[in-house]
Amino acid sequence: MQNPRQIVLMQCDGKRDCAVAAIGTACNVSYDQAAKALNHIDLPGPLESPILSNPWNLYRALVRLGFWKKNITLKMLLTGEAKAYDTIVLVKESLLAQHWVVYAGTQINVKTGKLRYRFLWGDSDDIRIKSEEETILLFLTAWPNCAFQVYRANVFKIWVEKMQLFAEDLIDKLKSWFCGL
């Protein structure tokens, strides 16, 4: 399966900008456009994941780029219903070790006849191949279980989402202002 777009790679020394690479690749935008939409900064150590690399921040970035999402279940991923190169998956190797990757489709293992799952890890153009068992473990090892397929949204949908984000930001600012009195 040919990739119809350019693969965006991580650029930070600590490889903590996987969300930038995943958004950039799936939305077919540059690293800089994805980083700006995510408000990405290279935080030290493990702070990156819970603060900037959470699903909500990726959803906000999608809206800023004019995209929205369709949630993808593990079953949809395993049956090949997810759209290759448009689907972002949060994989986990442990409770604290999470990583955003781009689903790149499936292929048949010619020896066993079983499906294998292809992912772009964001560290190179190379595709990593995972078995069904490995894919299930990477998806279910910790919370949150998250996968979504991005699509260019209509103007009305984006407007509604932007208004909700604006309202939430305003409420947060008001809370901090009133709590600071």
C-alpha atoms as a PDB file:
ATOM      1  CA  MET A   1       0.000   0.000   0.000  1.00  0.00           C
ATOM      2  CA  GLN A   2       1.526   3.305  -1.090  1.00  0.00           C
ATOM      3  CA  ASN A   3       1.475   6.279   1.245  1.00  0.00           C
ATOM      4  CA  PRO A   4      -0.358   9.112  -0.534  1.00  0.00           C
ATOM      5  CA  ARG A   5       1.341  11.826   1.500  1.00  0.00           C
ATOM      6  CA  GLN A   6       4.582  12.907   3.068  1.00  0.00           C
ATOM      7  CA  ILE A   7       5.498  11.371   6.397  1.00  0.00           C
ATOM      8  CA  VAL A   8       6.190  13.919   9.132  1.00  0.00           C
ATOM      9  CA  LEU A   9       8.944  12.855  11.539  1.00  0.00           C
ATOM     10  CA  MET A  10       9.644  13.770  15.150  1.00  0.00           C
ATOM     11  CA  GLN A  11      12.287  16.482  15.569  1.00  0.00           C
ATOM     12  CA  CYS A  12      12.788  16.904  19.336  1.00  0.00           C
ATOM     13  CA  ASP A  13      15.861  15.316  20.922  1.00  0.00           C
ATOM     14  CA  GLY A  14      13.844  13.295  23.418  1.00  0.00           C
ATOM     15  CA  LYS A  15      11.391  12.040  20.753  1.00  0.00           C
ATOM     16  CA  ARG A  16       8.533  13.477  22.802  1.00  0.00           C
ATOM     17  CA  ASP A  17       6.862  15.154  19.824  1.00  0.00           C
ATOM     18  CA  CYS A  18       5.084  12.067  18.504  1.00  0.00           C
ATOM     19  CA  ALA A  19       1.742  13.909  18.530  1.00  0.00           C
ATOM     20  CA  VAL A  20       3.191  16.494  16.146  1.00  0.00           C
ATOM     21  CA  ALA A  21       4.413  13.779  13.776  1.00  0.00           C
ATOM     22  CA  ALA A  22       1.093  11.906  13.922  1.00  0.00           C
ATOM     23  CA  ILE A  23      -1.071  15.002  13.340  1.00  0.00           C
ATOM     24  CA  GLY A  24       1.260  16.204  10.583  1.00  0.00           C
ATOM     25  CA  THR A  25       1.180  12.887   8.738  1.00  0.00           C
ATOM     26  CA  ALA A  26      -2.542  12.150   9.131  1.00  0.00           C
ATOM     27  CA  CYS A  27      -3.629  15.707   8.236  1.00  0.00           C
ATOM     28  CA  ASN A  28      -0.973  16.020   5.525  1.00  0.00           C
ATOM     29  CA  VAL A  29       0.464  19.238   6.963  1.00  0.00           C
ATOM     30  CA  SER A  30       4.023  20.247   7.812  1.00  0.00           C
ATOM     31  CA  TYR A  31       5.728  19.655  11.148  1.00  0.00           C
ATOM     32  CA  ASP A  32       5.551  23.403  11.871  1.00  0.00           C
ATOM     33  CA  GLN A  33       1.812  23.594  11.095  1.00  0.00           C
ATOM     34  CA  ALA A  34       1.088  20.588  13.321  1.00  0.00           C
ATOM     35  CA  ALA A  35       3.309  21.915  16.142  1.00  0.00           C
ATOM     36  CA  LYS A  36       1.568  25.289  16.038  1.00  0.00           C
ATOM     37  CA  ALA A  37      -1.900  23.686  16.069  1.00  0.00           C
ATOM     38  CA  LEU A  38      -0.851  21.591  19.091  1.00  0.00           C
ATOM     39  CA  ASN A  39       0.839  24.543  20.863  1.00  0.00           C
ATOM     40  CA  HIS A  40       3.769  22.159  21.128  1.00  0.00           C
ATOM     41  CA  ILE A  41       6.728  22.933  23.351  1.00  0.00           C
ATOM     42  CA  ASP A  42       9.447  20.455  24.253  1.00  0.00           C
ATOM     43  CA  LEU A  43       8.781  19.875  27.954  1.00  0.00           C
ATOM     44  CA  PRO A  44      11.320  17.996  30.066  1.00  0.00           C
ATOM     45  CA  GLY A  45      10.975  14.322  30.898  1.00  0.00           C
ATOM     46  CA  PRO A  46       7.596  12.684  31.378  1.00  0.00           C
ATOM     47  CA  LEU A  47       5.631  15.959  31.559  1.00  0.00           C
ATOM     48  CA  GLU A  48       5.070  15.987  27.798  1.00  0.00           C
ATOM     49  CA  SER A  49       2.559  13.141  27.660  1.00  0.00           C
ATOM     50  CA  PRO A  50      -0.051  14.157  30.235  1.00  0.00           C
ATOM     51  CA  ILE A  51       0.162  17.885  29.521  1.00  0.00           C
ATOM     52  CA  LEU A  52       0.456  18.220  25.751  1.00  0.00           C
ATOM     53  CA  SER A  53       0.153  14.754  24.295  1.00  0.00           C
ATOM     54  CA  ASN A  54      -3.318  13.842  25.497  1.00  0.00           C
ATOM     55  CA  PRO A  55      -6.298  13.076  23.233  1.00  0.00           C
ATOM     56  CA  TRP A  56      -8.083  16.334  24.045  1.00  0.00           C
ATOM     57  CA  ASN A  57      -5.132  18.422  22.873  1.00  0.00           C
ATOM     58  CA  LEU A  58      -4.983  16.459  19.615  1.00  0.00           C
ATOM     59  CA  TYR A  59      -8.715  17.063  19.060  1.00  0.00           C
ATOM     60  CA  ARG A  60      -8.181  20.791  19.581  1.00  0.00           C
ATOM     61  CA  ALA A  61      -5.343  20.729  17.046  1.00  0.00           C
ATOM     62  CA  LEU A  62      -7.613  19.024  14.508  1.00  0.00           C
ATOM     63  CA  VAL A  63     -10.136  21.843  14.835  1.00  0.00           C
ATOM     64  CA  ARG A  64      -7.422  24.459  14.403  1.00  0.00           C
ATOM     65  CA  LEU A  65      -6.326  22.728  11.199  1.00  0.00           C
ATOM     66  CA  GLY A  66      -9.883  22.416   9.830  1.00  0.00           C
ATOM     67  CA  PHE A  67     -10.268  18.688  10.526  1.00  0.00           C
ATOM     68  CA  TRP A  68     -12.397  16.555  12.784  1.00  0.00           C
ATOM     69  CA  LYS A  69     -12.395  12.914  13.774  1.00  0.00           C
ATOM     70  CA  LYS A  70     -14.277   9.672  13.625  1.00  0.00           C
ATOM     71  CA  ASN A  71     -13.570   7.475  16.644  1.00  0.00           C
ATOM     72  CA  ILE A  72     -12.048   4.121  15.755  1.00  0.00           C
ATOM     73  CA  THR A  73     -12.526   1.060  17.941  1.00  0.00           C
ATOM     74  CA  LEU A  74     -10.013  -1.728  18.380  1.00  0.00           C
ATOM     75  CA  LYS A  75     -12.335  -4.003  16.377  1.00  0.00           C
ATOM     76  CA  MET A  76     -12.372  -1.508  13.487  1.00  0.00           C
ATOM     77  CA  LEU A  77      -8.585  -1.378  13.589  1.00  0.00           C
ATOM     78  CA  LEU A  78      -8.242  -5.173  13.641  1.00  0.00           C
ATOM     79  CA  THR A  79     -10.706  -5.729  10.786  1.00  0.00           C
ATOM     80  CA  GLY A  80      -9.050  -3.129   8.572  1.00  0.00           C
ATOM     81  CA  GLU A  81     -12.022  -0.724   8.675  1.00  0.00           C
ATOM     82  CA  ALA A  82      -9.785   2.147   9.761  1.00  0.00           C
ATOM     83  CA  LYS A  83      -8.457   4.239   6.902  1.00  0.00           C
ATOM     84  CA  ALA A  84      -4.724   3.888   6.400  1.00  0.00           C
ATOM     85  CA  TYR A  85      -2.649   7.069   6.868  1.00  0.00           C
ATOM     86  CA  ASP A  86      -5.718   8.973   8.167  1.00  0.00           C
ATOM     87  CA  THR A  87      -5.958   7.096  11.481  1.00  0.00           C
ATOM     88  CA  ILE A  88      -4.023   8.087  14.585  1.00  0.00           C
ATOM     89  CA  VAL A  89      -3.627   5.555  17.401  1.00  0.00           C
ATOM     90  CA  LEU A  90      -2.386   6.014  20.947  1.00  0.00           C
ATOM     91  CA  VAL A  91      -0.248   2.981  21.766  1.00  0.00           C
ATOM     92  CA  LYS A  92       1.111   2.140  25.190  1.00  0.00           C
ATOM     93  CA  GLU A  93       3.935  -0.058  26.354  1.00  0.00           C
ATOM     94  CA  SER A  94       3.193   0.617  30.033  1.00  0.00           C
ATOM     95  CA  LEU A  95       1.043   2.887  32.181  1.00  0.00           C
ATOM     96  CA  LEU A  96       3.332   5.877  31.604  1.00  0.00           C
ATOM     97  CA  ALA A  97       4.917   5.050  28.240  1.00  0.00           C
ATOM     98  CA  GLN A  98       2.513   6.173  25.528  1.00  0.00           C
ATOM     99  CA  HIS A  99       3.138   7.067  21.909  1.00  0.00           C
ATOM    100  CA  TRP A 100       1.018   8.473  19.056  1.00  0.00           C
ATOM    101  CA  VAL A 101       1.388   6.541  15.795  1.00  0.00           C
ATOM    102  CA  VAL A 102      -0.279   6.563  12.390  1.00  0.00           C
ATOM    103  CA  TYR A 103      -2.018   3.394  11.238  1.00  0.00           C
ATOM    104  CA  ALA A 104      -0.728   2.480   7.782  1.00  0.00           C
ATOM    105  CA  GLY A 105      -3.034  -0.414   6.917  1.00  0.00           C
ATOM    106  CA  THR A 106      -2.752  -4.168   7.001  1.00  0.00           C
ATOM    107  CA  GLN A 107      -0.926  -6.871   5.141  1.00  0.00           C
ATOM    108  CA  ILE A 108      -1.203 -10.636   5.033  1.00  0.00           C
ATOM    109  CA  ASN A 109       1.537 -12.735   6.569  1.00  0.00           C
ATOM    110  CA  VAL A 110       2.192 -15.140   3.693  1.00  0.00           C
ATOM    111  CA  LYS A 111       3.421 -17.896   6.040  1.00  0.00           C
ATOM    112  CA  THR A 112       0.448 -17.885   8.430  1.00  0.00           C
ATOM    113  CA  GLY A 113      -2.281 -16.190   6.381  1.00  0.00           C
ATOM    114  CA  LYS A 114      -2.975 -13.867   9.312  1.00  0.00           C
ATOM    115  CA  LEU A 115      -3.317 -10.112   9.089  1.00  0.00           C
ATOM    116  CA  ARG A 116      -0.444  -7.967  10.272  1.00  0.00           C
ATOM    117  CA  TYR A 117      -0.828  -4.308  11.172  1.00  0.00           C
ATOM    118  CA  ARG A 118       1.358  -1.527   9.829  1.00  0.00           C
ATOM    119  CA  PHE A 119       2.221   1.631  11.792  1.00  0.00           C
ATOM    120  CA  LEU A 120       4.326   4.730  11.271  1.00  0.00           C
ATOM    121  CA  TRP A 121       6.106   5.420  14.560  1.00  0.00           C
ATOM    122  CA  GLY A 122       7.220   8.926  13.582  1.00  0.00           C
ATOM    123  CA  ASP A 123      10.929   8.292  14.061  1.00  0.00           C
ATOM    124  CA  SER A 124      11.598   7.256  10.438  1.00  0.00           C
ATOM    125  CA  ASP A 125       9.859   6.502   7.146  1.00  0.00           C
ATOM    126  CA  ASP A 126      10.017   2.812   8.046  1.00  0.00           C
ATOM    127  CA  ILE A 127       6.775   1.009   8.759  1.00  0.00           C
ATOM    128  CA  ARG A 128       6.642  -1.164  11.864  1.00  0.00           C
ATOM    129  CA  ILE A 129       4.724  -4.395  11.485  1.00  0.00           C
ATOM    130  CA  LYS A 130       2.768  -5.752  14.455  1.00  0.00           C
ATOM    131  CA  SER A 131       0.848  -8.994  14.916  1.00  0.00           C
ATOM    132  CA  GLU A 132      -2.765  -8.971  16.069  1.00  0.00           C
ATOM    133  CA  GLU A 133      -1.651  -9.878  19.591  1.00  0.00           C
ATOM    134  CA  GLU A 134       0.924  -7.072  19.672  1.00  0.00           C
ATOM    135  CA  THR A 135      -1.606  -4.570  18.331  1.00  0.00           C
ATOM    136  CA  ILE A 136      -4.164  -5.532  20.983  1.00  0.00           C
ATOM    137  CA  LEU A 137      -1.565  -5.185  23.758  1.00  0.00           C
ATOM    138  CA  LEU A 138      -0.345  -1.818  22.472  1.00  0.00           C
ATOM    139  CA  PHE A 139      -3.922  -0.525  22.360  1.00  0.00           C
ATOM    140  CA  LEU A 140      -5.208  -1.939  25.668  1.00  0.00           C
ATOM    141  CA  THR A 141      -2.173  -1.850  27.996  1.00  0.00           C
ATOM    142  CA  ALA A 142      -3.205   1.386  29.711  1.00  0.00           C
ATOM    143  CA  TRP A 143      -5.824   4.117  29.649  1.00  0.00           C
ATOM    144  CA  PRO A 144      -6.922   5.973  27.579  1.00  0.00           C
ATOM    145  CA  ASN A 145      -7.644   3.671  24.646  1.00  0.00           C
ATOM    146  CA  CYS A 146      -7.764   6.065  21.756  1.00  0.00           C
ATOM    147  CA  ALA A 147      -7.823   5.860  17.978  1.00  0.00           C
ATOM    148  CA  PHE A 148      -9.457   8.219  15.524  1.00  0.00           C
ATOM    149  CA  GLN A 149      -9.616   8.803  11.805  1.00  0.00           C
ATOM    150  CA  VAL A 150      -9.183  12.398  10.704  1.00  0.00           C
ATOM    151  CA  TYR A 151     -11.208  14.042   7.962  1.00  0.00           C
ATOM    152  CA  ARG A 152     -11.579  17.532   6.546  1.00  0.00           C
ATOM    153  CA  ALA A 153     -14.654  18.924   8.310  1.00  0.00           C
ATOM    154  CA  ASN A 154     -17.281  21.263   6.939  1.00  0.00           C
ATOM    155  CA  VAL A 155     -17.186  24.901   8.010  1.00  0.00           C
ATOM    156  CA  PHE A 156     -20.244  24.635  10.281  1.00  0.00           C
ATOM    157  CA  LYS A 157     -18.818  21.674  12.225  1.00  0.00           C
ATOM    158  CA  ILE A 158     -15.507  23.478  12.732  1.00  0.00           C
ATOM    159  CA  TRP A 159     -17.292  26.680  13.792  1.00  0.00           C
ATOM    160  CA  VAL A 160     -19.289  24.787  16.441  1.00  0.00           C
ATOM    161  CA  GLU A 161     -16.161  23.048  17.739  1.00  0.00           C
ATOM    162  CA  LYS A 162     -14.199  26.330  17.829  1.00  0.00           C
ATOM    163  CA  MET A 163     -17.009  28.016  19.776  1.00  0.00           C
ATOM    164  CA  GLN A 164     -16.962  25.184  22.311  1.00  0.00           C
ATOM    165  CA  LEU A 165     -13.177  25.507  22.681  1.00  0.00           C
ATOM    166  CA  PHE A 166     -13.484  29.268  23.080  1.00  0.00           C
ATOM    167  CA  ALA A 167     -16.154  28.853  25.775  1.00  0.00           C
ATOM    168  CA  GLU A 168     -14.053  26.299  27.656  1.00  0.00           C
ATOM    169  CA  ASP A 169     -10.968  28.520  27.490  1.00  0.00           C
ATOM    170  CA  LEU A 170     -13.012  31.505  28.696  1.00  0.00           C
ATOM    171  CA  ILE A 171     -14.422  29.517  31.616  1.00  0.00           C
ATOM    172  CA  ASP A 172     -10.901  28.379  32.578  1.00  0.00           C
ATOM    173  CA  LYS A 173      -9.639  31.976  32.483  1.00  0.00           C
ATOM    174  CA  LEU A 174     -12.572  33.202  34.565  1.00  0.00           C
ATOM    175  CA  LYS A 175     -12.035  30.435  37.112  1.00  0.00           C
ATOM    176  CA  SER A 176      -8.354  31.310  37.454  1.00  0.00           C
ATOM    177  CA  TRP A 177      -9.163  35.005  37.701  1.00  0.00           C
ATOM    178  CA  PHE A 178     -11.836  34.541  40.379  1.00  0.00           C
ATOM    179  CA  CYS A 179      -9.755  32.016  42.304  1.00  0.00           C
ATOM    180  CA  GLY A 180      -6.855  34.487  42.285  1.00  0.00           C
ATOM    181  CA  LEU A 181      -8.855  37.212  44.083  1.00  0.00           C
END
